[in-house]
Amino acid sequence: SAVIPFRLCRDKLEVLLITSRRRKRWIVPKGIVEQDLTPIESAQKEAWEEAGVEGIVRGSLLGSYENEKWGGICHVAVYAMKVKTVHDTWPEDDRTREWVDVQTAAERVREAELESMILALPSVVRKNF
């Protein structure tokens, strides 16, 4: 599961992207759903570990996409997360993180499905947050 972390900054919607560890490409926090957590809880945990942010997930699933990893295909469920806390240090703070506008975020990610979800984020935020 994954989250698209966002915030409103001076009435402008911004998305937080992070770099992947190996390829240094722009991604959103995601990971394997742990057995003792729901997909949303697991995605929130990944946001803390990979991006150093905590927040609130509201509304339903934004969508999903497939990600090739570990020699197989992973199905990634994606949620919107309104960021409430940004930490200065976090478990994987070797990753770069950057707040960008919606259009820039959509252009930077590689997965077409994720790009569409990011572009749809403004309407999701208006409805659920």
C-alpha atoms as a PDB file:
ATOM      1  CA  SER A   1       0.000   0.000   0.000  1.00  0.00           C
ATOM      2  CA  ALA A   2       1.043   3.603  -0.572  1.00  0.00           C
ATOM      3  CA  VAL A   3       0.070   7.159   0.254  1.00  0.00           C
ATOM      4  CA  ILE A   4       0.241  10.348  -1.724  1.00  0.00           C
ATOM      5  CA  PRO A   5       1.227  12.784   1.040  1.00  0.00           C
ATOM      6  CA  PHE A   6      -0.131  16.291   0.534  1.00  0.00           C
ATOM      7  CA  ARG A   7      -0.491  19.634   2.295  1.00  0.00           C
ATOM      8  CA  LEU A   8      -2.102  22.984   1.672  1.00  0.00           C
ATOM      9  CA  CYS A   9       0.493  25.743   1.710  1.00  0.00           C
ATOM     10  CA  ARG A  10      -0.898  29.257   1.257  1.00  0.00           C
ATOM     11  CA  ASP A  11      -4.020  27.722  -0.307  1.00  0.00           C
ATOM     12  CA  LYS A  12      -1.887  25.797  -2.800  1.00  0.00           C
ATOM     13  CA  LEU A  13      -1.962  21.999  -2.885  1.00  0.00           C
ATOM     14  CA  GLU A  14       1.495  20.415  -2.660  1.00  0.00           C
ATOM     15  CA  VAL A  15       2.536  16.761  -2.934  1.00  0.00           C
ATOM     16  CA  LEU A  16       5.511  15.242  -1.146  1.00  0.00           C
ATOM     17  CA  LEU A  17       7.674  13.012  -3.325  1.00  0.00           C
ATOM     18  CA  ILE A  18      10.665  10.988  -2.175  1.00  0.00           C
ATOM     19  CA  THR A  19      13.495   9.306  -4.024  1.00  0.00           C
ATOM     20  CA  SER A  20      13.771   5.569  -4.368  1.00  0.00           C
ATOM     21  CA  ARG A  21      16.826   4.016  -2.774  1.00  0.00           C
ATOM     22  CA  ARG A  22      18.421   2.306  -5.751  1.00  0.00           C
ATOM     23  CA  ARG A  23      17.423   4.215  -8.870  1.00  0.00           C
ATOM     24  CA  LYS A  24      16.973   7.654  -7.285  1.00  0.00           C
ATOM     25  CA  ARG A  25      13.740   8.243  -9.152  1.00  0.00           C
ATOM     26  CA  TRP A  26      10.746  10.100  -7.692  1.00  0.00           C
ATOM     27  CA  ILE A  27       8.135   7.954  -5.925  1.00  0.00           C
ATOM     28  CA  VAL A  28       5.558   8.081  -3.129  1.00  0.00           C
ATOM     29  CA  PRO A  29       5.934   6.145   0.146  1.00  0.00           C
ATOM     30  CA  LYS A  30       4.856   2.527  -0.279  1.00  0.00           C
ATOM     31  CA  GLY A  31       5.534  -0.922   1.083  1.00  0.00           C
ATOM     32  CA  ILE A  32       4.277  -4.388   1.812  1.00  0.00           C
ATOM     33  CA  VAL A  33       1.129  -4.551   3.954  1.00  0.00           C
ATOM     34  CA  GLU A  34       2.186  -6.039   7.270  1.00  0.00           C
ATOM     35  CA  GLN A  35      -0.025  -8.818   8.661  1.00  0.00           C
ATOM     36  CA  ASP A  36      -0.950  -6.957  11.848  1.00  0.00           C
ATOM     37  CA  LEU A  37      -1.856  -3.705  10.021  1.00  0.00           C
ATOM     38  CA  THR A  38      -4.604  -2.615   7.663  1.00  0.00           C
ATOM     39  CA  PRO A  39      -3.512  -1.360   4.237  1.00  0.00           C
ATOM     40  CA  ILE A  40      -4.072   2.241   5.409  1.00  0.00           C
ATOM     41  CA  GLU A  41      -2.093   1.737   8.627  1.00  0.00           C
ATOM     42  CA  SER A  42       0.707   0.104   6.678  1.00  0.00           C
ATOM     43  CA  ALA A  43       0.799   2.986   4.179  1.00  0.00           C
ATOM     44  CA  GLN A  44       0.923   5.505   7.029  1.00  0.00           C
ATOM     45  CA  LYS A  45       3.807   3.567   8.577  1.00  0.00           C
ATOM     46  CA  GLU A  46       5.680   3.697   5.260  1.00  0.00           C
ATOM     47  CA  ALA A  47       5.097   7.459   5.091  1.00  0.00           C
ATOM     48  CA  TRP A  48       6.809   7.811   8.478  1.00  0.00           C
ATOM     49  CA  GLU A  49       9.673   5.431   7.693  1.00  0.00           C
ATOM     50  CA  GLU A  50      10.410   6.579   4.121  1.00  0.00           C
ATOM     51  CA  ALA A  51       9.395  10.263   4.157  1.00  0.00           C
ATOM     52  CA  GLY A  52       9.345  11.293   7.812  1.00  0.00           C
ATOM     53  CA  VAL A  53       5.746  12.485   7.752  1.00  0.00           C
ATOM     54  CA  GLU A  54       2.615  11.624   9.693  1.00  0.00           C
ATOM     55  CA  GLY A  55      -0.941  12.427   8.775  1.00  0.00           C
ATOM     56  CA  ILE A  56      -4.553  11.515   8.248  1.00  0.00           C
ATOM     57  CA  VAL A  57      -6.033   9.253   5.567  1.00  0.00           C
ATOM     58  CA  ARG A  58      -9.690   9.915   4.748  1.00  0.00           C
ATOM     59  CA  GLY A  59     -11.929   8.694   2.013  1.00  0.00           C
ATOM     60  CA  SER A  60     -11.602   5.573  -0.010  1.00  0.00           C
ATOM     61  CA  LEU A  61      -8.873   4.068  -2.119  1.00  0.00           C
ATOM     62  CA  LEU A  62      -7.599   6.488  -4.780  1.00  0.00           C
ATOM     63  CA  GLY A  63      -6.670   3.656  -7.083  1.00  0.00           C
ATOM     64  CA  SER A  64      -3.995   1.064  -7.636  1.00  0.00           C
ATOM     65  CA  TYR A  65      -1.110   0.186  -9.890  1.00  0.00           C
ATOM     66  CA  GLU A  66       1.347  -2.636 -10.387  1.00  0.00           C
ATOM     67  CA  ASN A  67       4.982  -2.355  -9.390  1.00  0.00           C
ATOM     68  CA  GLU A  68       7.738  -4.757 -10.397  1.00  0.00           C
ATOM     69  CA  LYS A  69       9.842  -5.692  -7.373  1.00  0.00           C
ATOM     70  CA  TRP A  70      11.824  -8.677  -6.110  1.00  0.00           C
ATOM     71  CA  GLY A  71      11.373 -10.497  -9.400  1.00  0.00           C
ATOM     72  CA  GLY A  72       7.586 -10.301  -9.259  1.00  0.00           C
ATOM     73  CA  ILE A  73       4.644  -7.958  -9.614  1.00  0.00           C
ATOM     74  CA  CYS A  74       3.215  -6.165  -6.576  1.00  0.00           C
ATOM     75  CA  HIS A  75      -0.301  -4.709  -6.562  1.00  0.00           C
ATOM     76  CA  VAL A  76      -0.120  -1.269  -4.860  1.00  0.00           C
ATOM     77  CA  ALA A  77      -3.235   0.258  -3.262  1.00  0.00           C
ATOM     78  CA  VAL A  78      -2.938   4.064  -3.036  1.00  0.00           C
ATOM     79  CA  TYR A  79      -4.525   6.474  -0.521  1.00  0.00           C
ATOM     80  CA  ALA A  80      -4.376  10.255  -0.019  1.00  0.00           C
ATOM     81  CA  MET A  81      -2.792  11.411   3.250  1.00  0.00           C
ATOM     82  CA  LYS A  82      -3.034  14.947   4.625  1.00  0.00           C
ATOM     83  CA  VAL A  83       0.301  15.596   6.310  1.00  0.00           C
ATOM     84  CA  LYS A  84       0.048  16.935   9.850  1.00  0.00           C
ATOM     85  CA  THR A  85       3.650  16.481  11.055  1.00  0.00           C
ATOM     86  CA  VAL A  86       6.954  16.719   9.180  1.00  0.00           C
ATOM     87  CA  HIS A  87       9.941  15.348  11.110  1.00  0.00           C
ATOM     88  CA  ASP A  88      13.511  16.572  10.734  1.00  0.00           C
ATOM     89  CA  THR A  89      14.887  13.051  11.088  1.00  0.00           C
ATOM     90  CA  TRP A  90      13.274   9.715  10.234  1.00  0.00           C
ATOM     91  CA  PRO A  91      14.310   6.064   9.750  1.00  0.00           C
ATOM     92  CA  GLU A  92      15.140   6.359   6.021  1.00  0.00           C
ATOM     93  CA  ASP A  93      16.356   9.953   5.947  1.00  0.00           C
ATOM     94  CA  ASP A  94      18.962   9.063   3.341  1.00  0.00           C
ATOM     95  CA  ARG A  95      16.128   9.568   0.842  1.00  0.00           C
ATOM     96  CA  THR A  96      15.558  12.987  -0.667  1.00  0.00           C
ATOM     97  CA  ARG A  97      12.095  14.442  -0.176  1.00  0.00           C
ATOM     98  CA  GLU A  98      10.592  17.440  -1.913  1.00  0.00           C
ATOM     99  CA  TRP A  99       7.269  19.299  -1.811  1.00  0.00           C
ATOM    100  CA  VAL A 100       6.078  20.105  -5.337  1.00  0.00           C
ATOM    101  CA  ASP A 101       2.882  21.251  -6.996  1.00  0.00           C
ATOM    102  CA  VAL A 102       0.450  18.667  -8.354  1.00  0.00           C
ATOM    103  CA  GLN A 103       1.489  19.050 -11.997  1.00  0.00           C
ATOM    104  CA  THR A 104       5.206  18.668 -11.199  1.00  0.00           C
ATOM    105  CA  ALA A 105       4.511  15.607  -9.038  1.00  0.00           C
ATOM    106  CA  ALA A 106       2.489  13.990 -11.826  1.00  0.00           C
ATOM    107  CA  GLU A 107       5.281  14.648 -14.331  1.00  0.00           C
ATOM    108  CA  ARG A 108       7.977  13.190 -12.075  1.00  0.00           C
ATOM    109  CA  VAL A 109       6.459   9.791 -11.268  1.00  0.00           C
ATOM    110  CA  ARG A 110       7.000   6.926 -13.677  1.00  0.00           C
ATOM    111  CA  GLU A 111       3.735   5.005 -13.299  1.00  0.00           C
ATOM    112  CA  ALA A 112       0.924   6.328 -15.512  1.00  0.00           C
ATOM    113  CA  GLU A 113      -1.742   5.190 -13.024  1.00  0.00           C
ATOM    114  CA  LEU A 114       0.000   7.052 -10.189  1.00  0.00           C
ATOM    115  CA  GLU A 115       0.256  10.143 -12.393  1.00  0.00           C
ATOM    116  CA  SER A 116      -3.530  10.038 -12.931  1.00  0.00           C
ATOM    117  CA  MET A 117      -4.163   9.680  -9.190  1.00  0.00           C
ATOM    118  CA  ILE A 118      -1.954  12.686  -8.440  1.00  0.00           C
ATOM    119  CA  LEU A 119      -3.763  14.777 -11.055  1.00  0.00           C
ATOM    120  CA  ALA A 120      -7.109  13.764  -9.482  1.00  0.00           C
ATOM    121  CA  LEU A 121      -5.894  14.716  -5.992  1.00  0.00           C
ATOM    122  CA  PRO A 122      -7.348  18.278  -5.944  1.00  0.00           C
ATOM    123  CA  SER A 123     -10.911  16.981  -6.344  1.00  0.00           C
ATOM    124  CA  VAL A 124     -10.315  14.225  -3.771  1.00  0.00           C
ATOM    125  CA  VAL A 125      -9.008  16.782  -1.275  1.00  0.00           C
ATOM    126  CA  ARG A 126     -12.022  19.072  -1.797  1.00  0.00           C
ATOM    127  CA  LYS A 127     -14.412  16.161  -1.226  1.00  0.00           C
ATOM    128  CA  ASN A 128     -12.712  14.375   1.698  1.00  0.00           C
ATOM    129  CA  PHE A 129     -10.515  16.827   3.548  1.00  0.00           C
END
